[in-house]
């Protein structure tokens, strides 16, 4: 038999062998992907730790992220949730949830659990909210009939961005006013405050600088309309609550 007669048969046989090898199932199972999912409670896909800034007495918690980077404000209604004891303002809690809704403040979808942490309670956000309310009440004519509330907490050294945002939102919400944030100079640059006439027609600027142990606070309406708390000293009790005393008060 000549090669040109047997060559087609050899080629056909080789093709059948290769096809059979390609179609044969592997005897080794496919490699499983590495599971990097966190260990979670109640099968919730996400969890995070938050500071309770306000609302514990109503069950409508205003929360600040505890990750040190977020500037968001969160609200959580605890009605119907299983809690291992009452939640208090100033404590850190873990929240287990499916998603965060795109709203302001942010809200959670399908919260499956809320738990306390072993971290000691520290309600310095409550301290600053009390200072802002005390400023609101004193010489109230300065903030009478305003339609916009300015808040500057940039000078506070012991709150995260999220805690500052939450305190600002709670303060504005308590008085039914929209808020803007920024220093006096920034609000002048943004057109809110008339820097030449030293007057804010629509609003009043509340600011606090320092830390809970030593701070000052001020509300400003104009060059001739301001009230100051100076040399304030804060003190924390054994349960994490803060009180403060004012060293001096001044009127401009």
C-alpha atoms as a PDB file:
ATOM      1  CA  UNK A   1       0.000   0.000   0.000  1.00  0.00           C
ATOM      2  CA  UNK A   2       1.342   3.392  -0.969  1.00  0.00           C
ATOM      3  CA  UNK A   3       1.635   6.325   1.500  1.00  0.00           C
ATOM      4  CA  UNK A   4      -0.861   8.418  -0.460  1.00  0.00           C
ATOM      5  CA  UNK A   5      -3.453   5.684   0.182  1.00  0.00           C
ATOM      6  CA  UNK A   6      -2.900   5.276   3.958  1.00  0.00           C
ATOM      7  CA  UNK A   7      -2.167   8.966   4.816  1.00  0.00           C
ATOM      8  CA  UNK A   8      -5.850  10.082   4.782  1.00  0.00           C
ATOM      9  CA  UNK A   9      -6.764   7.275   7.194  1.00  0.00           C
ATOM     10  CA  UNK A  10      -3.971   8.261   9.584  1.00  0.00           C
ATOM     11  CA  UNK A  11      -5.016  11.911   9.551  1.00  0.00           C
ATOM     12  CA  UNK A  12      -8.653  10.962  10.201  1.00  0.00           C
ATOM     13  CA  UNK A  13      -7.688   8.690  13.098  1.00  0.00           C
ATOM     14  CA  UNK A  14      -5.493  11.348  14.707  1.00  0.00           C
ATOM     15  CA  UNK A  15      -8.318  13.899  14.460  1.00  0.00           C
ATOM     16  CA  UNK A  16     -10.730  11.529  16.191  1.00  0.00           C
ATOM     17  CA  UNK A  17      -8.243  10.936  19.029  1.00  0.00           C
ATOM     18  CA  UNK A  18      -7.721  14.680  19.599  1.00  0.00           C
ATOM     19  CA  UNK A  19     -11.456  15.345  19.523  1.00  0.00           C
ATOM     20  CA  UNK A  20     -12.031  12.646  22.094  1.00  0.00           C
ATOM     21  CA  UNK A  21      -9.384  14.140  24.411  1.00  0.00           C
ATOM     22  CA  UNK A  22     -10.925  17.610  24.155  1.00  0.00           C
ATOM     23  CA  UNK A  23     -14.418  16.386  24.962  1.00  0.00           C
ATOM     24  CA  UNK A  24     -13.411  14.219  27.899  1.00  0.00           C
ATOM     25  CA  UNK A  25     -14.458  15.682  31.294  1.00  0.00           C
ATOM     26  CA  UNK A  26     -11.692  16.632  33.701  1.00  0.00           C
ATOM     27  CA  UNK A  27     -11.157  14.297  36.579  1.00  0.00           C
ATOM     28  CA  UNK A  28     -10.222  17.330  38.805  1.00  0.00           C
ATOM     29  CA  UNK A  29     -12.993  19.581  40.145  1.00  0.00           C
ATOM     30  CA  UNK A  30     -12.735  23.284  39.284  1.00  0.00           C
ATOM     31  CA  UNK A  31     -10.883  25.374  41.859  1.00  0.00           C
ATOM     32  CA  UNK A  32     -13.258  27.050  44.313  1.00  0.00           C
ATOM     33  CA  UNK A  33     -12.882  30.823  44.640  1.00  0.00           C
ATOM     34  CA  UNK A  34     -11.512  32.081  47.942  1.00  0.00           C
ATOM     35  CA  UNK A  35     -14.369  33.167  50.238  1.00  0.00           C
ATOM     36  CA  UNK A  36     -13.503  36.583  51.670  1.00  0.00           C
ATOM     37  CA  UNK A  37     -16.973  37.347  53.048  1.00  0.00           C
ATOM     38  CA  UNK A  38     -16.988  38.555  56.676  1.00  0.00           C
ATOM     39  CA  UNK A  39     -18.516  36.441  59.393  1.00  0.00           C
ATOM     40  CA  UNK A  40     -21.971  37.922  59.874  1.00  0.00           C
ATOM     41  CA  UNK A  41     -24.888  37.645  62.285  1.00  0.00           C
ATOM     42  CA  UNK A  42     -28.361  36.564  61.116  1.00  0.00           C
ATOM     43  CA  UNK A  43     -27.100  36.158  57.543  1.00  0.00           C
ATOM     44  CA  UNK A  44     -26.985  39.917  56.967  1.00  0.00           C
ATOM     45  CA  UNK A  45     -24.593  40.703  54.107  1.00  0.00           C
ATOM     46  CA  UNK A  46     -23.077  43.850  55.653  1.00  0.00           C
ATOM     47  CA  UNK A  47     -22.416  45.356  59.037  1.00  0.00           C
ATOM     48  CA  UNK A  48     -20.796  48.531  60.322  1.00  0.00           C
ATOM     49  CA  UNK A  49     -20.227  50.337  63.606  1.00  0.00           C
ATOM     50  CA  UNK A  50     -21.921  53.673  64.314  1.00  0.00           C
ATOM     51  CA  UNK A  51     -21.972  56.294  67.060  1.00  0.00           C
ATOM     52  CA  UNK A  52     -25.465  57.091  68.361  1.00  0.00           C
ATOM     53  CA  UNK A  53     -25.550  60.891  68.170  1.00  0.00           C
ATOM     54  CA  UNK A  54     -29.184  61.522  69.132  1.00  0.00           C
ATOM     55  CA  UNK A  55     -32.701  60.060  69.129  1.00  0.00           C
ATOM     56  CA  UNK A  56     -32.248  57.099  71.476  1.00  0.00           C
ATOM     57  CA  UNK A  57     -35.135  58.276  73.649  1.00  0.00           C
ATOM     58  CA  UNK A  58     -37.487  58.202  70.627  1.00  0.00           C
ATOM     59  CA  UNK A  59     -36.193  55.085  68.915  1.00  0.00           C
ATOM     60  CA  UNK A  60     -35.275  57.131  65.826  1.00  0.00           C
ATOM     61  CA  UNK A  61     -31.493  56.944  66.023  1.00  0.00           C
ATOM     62  CA  UNK A  62     -29.292  59.546  64.361  1.00  0.00           C
ATOM     63  CA  UNK A  63     -25.987  57.813  63.683  1.00  0.00           C
ATOM     64  CA  UNK A  64     -22.471  58.796  62.678  1.00  0.00           C
ATOM     65  CA  UNK A  65     -20.133  56.380  60.913  1.00  0.00           C
ATOM     66  CA  UNK A  66     -17.287  55.168  63.082  1.00  0.00           C
ATOM     67  CA  UNK A  67     -14.857  54.463  60.232  1.00  0.00           C
ATOM     68  CA  UNK A  68     -13.139  57.850  60.524  1.00  0.00           C
ATOM     69  CA  UNK A  69     -13.553  58.685  56.836  1.00  0.00           C
ATOM     70  CA  UNK A  70     -17.238  59.071  56.052  1.00  0.00           C
ATOM     71  CA  UNK A  71     -19.007  62.405  56.360  1.00  0.00           C
ATOM     72  CA  UNK A  72     -22.482  60.896  56.042  1.00  0.00           C
ATOM     73  CA  UNK A  73     -25.405  61.066  58.469  1.00  0.00           C
ATOM     74  CA  UNK A  74     -27.555  57.970  59.062  1.00  0.00           C
ATOM     75  CA  UNK A  75     -31.019  57.477  60.548  1.00  0.00           C
ATOM     76  CA  UNK A  76     -32.312  54.175  61.910  1.00  0.00           C
ATOM     77  CA  UNK A  77     -35.803  53.473  63.267  1.00  0.00           C
ATOM     78  CA  UNK A  78     -35.481  50.698  65.845  1.00  0.00           C
ATOM     79  CA  UNK A  79     -39.201  49.875  65.958  1.00  0.00           C
ATOM     80  CA  UNK A  80     -39.675  46.136  65.549  1.00  0.00           C
ATOM     81  CA  UNK A  81     -35.964  45.350  65.858  1.00  0.00           C
ATOM     82  CA  UNK A  82     -34.670  42.858  68.383  1.00  0.00           C
ATOM     83  CA  UNK A  83     -32.301  44.701  70.745  1.00  0.00           C
ATOM     84  CA  UNK A  84     -30.229  43.222  73.550  1.00  0.00           C
ATOM     85  CA  UNK A  85     -31.024  46.095  75.906  1.00  0.00           C
ATOM     86  CA  UNK A  86     -31.877  49.790  75.423  1.00  0.00           C
ATOM     87  CA  UNK A  87     -29.734  51.923  73.120  1.00  0.00           C
ATOM     88  CA  UNK A  88     -28.315  55.150  74.566  1.00  0.00           C
ATOM     89  CA  UNK A  89     -26.997  58.311  72.958  1.00  0.00           C
ATOM     90  CA  UNK A  90     -23.221  58.310  72.858  1.00  0.00           C
ATOM     91  CA  UNK A  91     -22.679  54.568  72.590  1.00  0.00           C
ATOM     92  CA  UNK A  92     -21.237  52.594  69.691  1.00  0.00           C
ATOM     93  CA  UNK A  93     -23.514  50.005  68.076  1.00  0.00           C
ATOM     94  CA  UNK A  94     -23.149  47.474  65.278  1.00  0.00           C
ATOM     95  CA  UNK A  95     -25.843  47.537  62.597  1.00  0.00           C
ATOM     96  CA  UNK A  96     -26.394  44.574  60.248  1.00  0.00           C
ATOM     97  CA  UNK A  97     -28.164  45.486  57.000  1.00  0.00           C
ATOM     98  CA  UNK A  98     -28.592  44.689  53.305  1.00  0.00           C
ATOM     99  CA  UNK A  99     -27.971  48.126  51.781  1.00  0.00           C
ATOM    100  CA  UNK A 100     -27.833  51.865  52.442  1.00  0.00           C
ATOM    101  CA  UNK A 101     -30.458  53.896  50.599  1.00  0.00           C
ATOM    102  CA  UNK A 102     -29.357  56.949  48.640  1.00  0.00           C
ATOM    103  CA  UNK A 103     -31.092  59.617  50.669  1.00  0.00           C
ATOM    104  CA  UNK A 104     -30.208  62.343  53.138  1.00  0.00           C
ATOM    105  CA  UNK A 105     -29.892  61.363  55.854  1.00  0.00           C
ATOM    106  CA  UNK A 106     -28.933  57.876  54.700  1.00  0.00           C
ATOM    107  CA  UNK A 107     -31.292  55.058  55.678  1.00  0.00           C
ATOM    108  CA  UNK A 108     -30.804  51.311  55.865  1.00  0.00           C
ATOM    109  CA  UNK A 109     -32.568  48.560  53.960  1.00  0.00           C
ATOM    110  CA  UNK A 110     -33.548  45.308  55.700  1.00  0.00           C
ATOM    111  CA  UNK A 111     -31.829  45.736  59.063  1.00  0.00           C
ATOM    112  CA  UNK A 112     -31.551  42.295  60.621  1.00  0.00           C
ATOM    113  CA  UNK A 113     -29.805  43.066  63.914  1.00  0.00           C
ATOM    114  CA  UNK A 114     -28.507  45.852  66.134  1.00  0.00           C
ATOM    115  CA  UNK A 115     -26.052  45.006  68.883  1.00  0.00           C
ATOM    116  CA  UNK A 116     -24.162  46.850  71.586  1.00  0.00           C
ATOM    117  CA  UNK A 117     -20.365  46.958  71.602  1.00  0.00           C
ATOM    118  CA  UNK A 118     -18.010  46.707  74.548  1.00  0.00           C
ATOM    119  CA  UNK A 119     -16.784  50.274  73.942  1.00  0.00           C
ATOM    120  CA  UNK A 120     -17.373  52.764  76.748  1.00  0.00           C
ATOM    121  CA  UNK A 121     -20.130  55.294  76.116  1.00  0.00           C
ATOM    122  CA  UNK A 122     -19.036  58.867  75.281  1.00  0.00           C
ATOM    123  CA  UNK A 123     -21.803  61.386  74.589  1.00  0.00           C
ATOM    124  CA  UNK A 124     -19.713  64.401  73.621  1.00  0.00           C
ATOM    125  CA  UNK A 125     -21.977  64.896  70.595  1.00  0.00           C
ATOM    126  CA  UNK A 126     -24.757  65.431  73.124  1.00  0.00           C
ATOM    127  CA  UNK A 127     -22.559  67.996  74.864  1.00  0.00           C
ATOM    128  CA  UNK A 128     -22.134  70.041  71.690  1.00  0.00           C
ATOM    129  CA  UNK A 129     -25.840  69.821  70.884  1.00  0.00           C
ATOM    130  CA  UNK A 130     -26.557  71.232  74.345  1.00  0.00           C
ATOM    131  CA  UNK A 131     -24.080  74.066  73.770  1.00  0.00           C
ATOM    132  CA  UNK A 132     -25.731  74.934  70.462  1.00  0.00           C
ATOM    133  CA  UNK A 133     -29.172  74.937  72.073  1.00  0.00           C
ATOM    134  CA  UNK A 134     -27.946  77.146  74.916  1.00  0.00           C
ATOM    135  CA  UNK A 135     -26.514  79.574  72.380  1.00  0.00           C
ATOM    136  CA  UNK A 136     -29.828  79.537  70.510  1.00  0.00           C
ATOM    137  CA  UNK A 137     -31.725  80.531  73.644  1.00  0.00           C
ATOM    138  CA  UNK A 138     -29.425  83.309  74.857  1.00  0.00           C
ATOM    139  CA  UNK A 139     -29.966  86.720  73.209  1.00  0.00           C
ATOM    140  CA  UNK A 140     -32.539  85.042  70.966  1.00  0.00           C
ATOM    141  CA  UNK A 141     -33.135  88.183  68.950  1.00  0.00           C
ATOM    142  CA  UNK A 142     -29.955  87.414  66.992  1.00  0.00           C
ATOM    143  CA  UNK A 143     -31.522  84.298  65.470  1.00  0.00           C
ATOM    144  CA  UNK A 144     -35.097  85.560  65.284  1.00  0.00           C
ATOM    145  CA  UNK A 145     -36.823  85.158  61.902  1.00  0.00           C
ATOM    146  CA  UNK A 146     -33.840  83.503  60.218  1.00  0.00           C
ATOM    147  CA  UNK A 147     -34.494  81.139  57.318  1.00  0.00           C
ATOM    148  CA  UNK A 148     -31.040  79.554  57.154  1.00  0.00           C
ATOM    149  CA  UNK A 149     -28.819  78.120  59.851  1.00  0.00           C
ATOM    150  CA  UNK A 150     -25.045  78.271  59.527  1.00  0.00           C
ATOM    151  CA  UNK A 151     -22.947  75.793  61.520  1.00  0.00           C
ATOM    152  CA  UNK A 152     -19.169  75.717  61.743  1.00  0.00           C
ATOM    153  CA  UNK A 153     -17.706  72.789  63.690  1.00  0.00           C
ATOM    154  CA  UNK A 154     -14.470  72.671  61.725  1.00  0.00           C
ATOM    155  CA  UNK A 155     -12.581  73.920  64.783  1.00  0.00           C
ATOM    156  CA  UNK A 156     -13.589  70.923  66.911  1.00  0.00           C
ATOM    157  CA  UNK A 157     -10.706  68.498  67.316  1.00  0.00           C
ATOM    158  CA  UNK A 158     -12.501  65.553  68.921  1.00  0.00           C
ATOM    159  CA  UNK A 159     -15.328  64.763  66.484  1.00  0.00           C
ATOM    160  CA  UNK A 160     -15.168  62.878  63.197  1.00  0.00           C
ATOM    161  CA  UNK A 161     -16.567  64.397  60.009  1.00  0.00           C
ATOM    162  CA  UNK A 162     -19.597  62.137  60.288  1.00  0.00           C
ATOM    163  CA  UNK A 163     -20.208  63.175  63.906  1.00  0.00           C
ATOM    164  CA  UNK A 164     -19.953  66.860  62.952  1.00  0.00           C
ATOM    165  CA  UNK A 165     -22.397  66.349  60.103  1.00  0.00           C
ATOM    166  CA  UNK A 166     -24.819  64.504  62.391  1.00  0.00           C
ATOM    167  CA  UNK A 167     -24.679  67.205  65.090  1.00  0.00           C
ATOM    168  CA  UNK A 168     -25.292  69.849  62.428  1.00  0.00           C
ATOM    169  CA  UNK A 169     -28.267  67.976  60.987  1.00  0.00           C
ATOM    170  CA  UNK A 170     -29.849  67.343  64.408  1.00  0.00           C
ATOM    171  CA  UNK A 171     -29.496  71.022  65.349  1.00  0.00           C
ATOM    172  CA  UNK A 172     -31.039  72.243  62.113  1.00  0.00           C
ATOM    173  CA  UNK A 173     -33.811  69.658  62.205  1.00  0.00           C
ATOM    174  CA  UNK A 174     -34.711  70.632  65.791  1.00  0.00           C
ATOM    175  CA  UNK A 175     -35.448  74.165  64.585  1.00  0.00           C
ATOM    176  CA  UNK A 176     -36.932  73.270  61.216  1.00  0.00           C
ATOM    177  CA  UNK A 177     -34.200  75.064  59.298  1.00  0.00           C
ATOM    178  CA  UNK A 178     -31.947  74.066  56.410  1.00  0.00           C
ATOM    179  CA  UNK A 179     -28.261  74.233  57.297  1.00  0.00           C
ATOM    180  CA  UNK A 180     -25.114  75.351  55.533  1.00  0.00           C
ATOM    181  CA  UNK A 181     -21.649  74.581  56.842  1.00  0.00           C
ATOM    182  CA  UNK A 182     -18.445  76.545  56.603  1.00  0.00           C
ATOM    183  CA  UNK A 183     -16.287  79.118  58.308  1.00  0.00           C
ATOM    184  CA  UNK A 184     -17.240  82.784  58.308  1.00  0.00           C
ATOM    185  CA  UNK A 185     -14.806  83.403  55.453  1.00  0.00           C
ATOM    186  CA  UNK A 186     -16.166  80.476  53.436  1.00  0.00           C
ATOM    187  CA  UNK A 187     -19.751  81.650  53.838  1.00  0.00           C
ATOM    188  CA  UNK A 188     -18.708  85.118  52.708  1.00  0.00           C
ATOM    189  CA  UNK A 189     -17.041  83.618  49.630  1.00  0.00           C
ATOM    190  CA  UNK A 190     -20.178  81.582  48.902  1.00  0.00           C
ATOM    191  CA  UNK A 191     -22.348  84.689  49.026  1.00  0.00           C
ATOM    192  CA  UNK A 192     -24.310  83.924  52.184  1.00  0.00           C
ATOM    193  CA  UNK A 193     -22.758  86.589  54.407  1.00  0.00           C
ATOM    194  CA  UNK A 194     -22.281  90.171  53.244  1.00  0.00           C
ATOM    195  CA  UNK A 195     -18.606  90.589  54.020  1.00  0.00           C
ATOM    196  CA  UNK A 196     -18.560  94.330  53.294  1.00  0.00           C
ATOM    197  CA  UNK A 197     -21.494  95.267  55.504  1.00  0.00           C
ATOM    198  CA  UNK A 198     -20.711  92.472  58.017  1.00  0.00           C
ATOM    199  CA  UNK A 199     -24.253  91.180  58.071  1.00  0.00           C
ATOM    200  CA  UNK A 200     -26.138  87.954  57.355  1.00  0.00           C
ATOM    201  CA  UNK A 201     -29.691  88.911  56.546  1.00  0.00           C
ATOM    202  CA  UNK A 202     -31.175  85.424  56.185  1.00  0.00           C
ATOM    203  CA  UNK A 203     -29.131  83.448  58.670  1.00  0.00           C
ATOM    204  CA  UNK A 204     -27.070  83.162  61.803  1.00  0.00           C
ATOM    205  CA  UNK A 205     -23.734  81.359  62.153  1.00  0.00           C
ATOM    206  CA  UNK A 206     -23.136  79.052  65.145  1.00  0.00           C
ATOM    207  CA  UNK A 207     -19.589  77.831  65.742  1.00  0.00           C
ATOM    208  CA  UNK A 208     -17.675  75.813  68.343  1.00  0.00           C
ATOM    209  CA  UNK A 209     -13.889  75.427  68.542  1.00  0.00           C
ATOM    210  CA  UNK A 210     -11.655  73.327  70.793  1.00  0.00           C
ATOM    211  CA  UNK A 211     -12.472  69.997  72.442  1.00  0.00           C
ATOM    212  CA  UNK A 212     -14.921  68.774  75.053  1.00  0.00           C
ATOM    213  CA  UNK A 213     -12.509  69.539  77.882  1.00  0.00           C
ATOM    214  CA  UNK A 214     -11.888  73.147  76.776  1.00  0.00           C
ATOM    215  CA  UNK A 215     -13.806  75.054  74.097  1.00  0.00           C
ATOM    216  CA  UNK A 216     -15.441  78.306  73.049  1.00  0.00           C
ATOM    217  CA  UNK A 217     -18.704  78.869  71.183  1.00  0.00           C
ATOM    218  CA  UNK A 218     -20.278  81.770  69.320  1.00  0.00           C
ATOM    219  CA  UNK A 219     -23.297  82.797  67.317  1.00  0.00           C
ATOM    220  CA  UNK A 220     -22.868  85.582  64.804  1.00  0.00           C
ATOM    221  CA  UNK A 221     -25.462  87.613  62.916  1.00  0.00           C
ATOM    222  CA  UNK A 222     -23.530  90.808  62.219  1.00  0.00           C
ATOM    223  CA  UNK A 223     -20.498  92.845  63.171  1.00  0.00           C
ATOM    224  CA  UNK A 224     -22.574  94.341  65.999  1.00  0.00           C
ATOM    225  CA  UNK A 225     -24.640  91.245  66.720  1.00  0.00           C
ATOM    226  CA  UNK A 226     -22.839  88.264  68.230  1.00  0.00           C
ATOM    227  CA  UNK A 227     -22.822  86.313  71.482  1.00  0.00           C
ATOM    228  CA  UNK A 228     -19.902  84.263  72.821  1.00  0.00           C
ATOM    229  CA  UNK A 229     -19.297  81.543  75.410  1.00  0.00           C
ATOM    230  CA  UNK A 230     -15.619  81.758  76.373  1.00  0.00           C
ATOM    231  CA  UNK A 231     -13.263  79.492  78.346  1.00  0.00           C
ATOM    232  CA  UNK A 232     -15.822  76.701  78.581  1.00  0.00           C
ATOM    233  CA  UNK A 233     -14.787  73.584  80.501  1.00  0.00           C
ATOM    234  CA  UNK A 234     -16.458  70.208  79.967  1.00  0.00           C
ATOM    235  CA  UNK A 235     -16.531  67.338  82.434  1.00  0.00           C
ATOM    236  CA  UNK A 236     -17.486  63.717  81.825  1.00  0.00           C
ATOM    237  CA  UNK A 237     -19.092  61.483  84.443  1.00  0.00           C
ATOM    238  CA  UNK A 238     -18.616  57.758  84.861  1.00  0.00           C
ATOM    239  CA  UNK A 239     -21.494  56.935  82.503  1.00  0.00           C
ATOM    240  CA  UNK A 240     -20.205  58.954  79.558  1.00  0.00           C
ATOM    241  CA  UNK A 241     -22.419  62.028  79.996  1.00  0.00           C
ATOM    242  CA  UNK A 242     -20.932  65.523  79.701  1.00  0.00           C
ATOM    243  CA  UNK A 243     -21.723  68.796  81.437  1.00  0.00           C
ATOM    244  CA  UNK A 244     -19.979  72.126  81.003  1.00  0.00           C
ATOM    245  CA  UNK A 245     -19.447  75.485  82.627  1.00  0.00           C
ATOM    246  CA  UNK A 246     -18.929  78.806  80.861  1.00  0.00           C
ATOM    247  CA  UNK A 247     -15.923  80.790  82.012  1.00  0.00           C
ATOM    248  CA  UNK A 248     -17.109  84.082  80.561  1.00  0.00           C
ATOM    249  CA  UNK A 249     -19.787  85.457  78.251  1.00  0.00           C
ATOM    250  CA  UNK A 250     -19.400  88.316  75.816  1.00  0.00           C
ATOM    251  CA  UNK A 251     -21.642  90.365  73.517  1.00  0.00           C
ATOM    252  CA  UNK A 252     -20.496  92.043  70.338  1.00  0.00           C
END
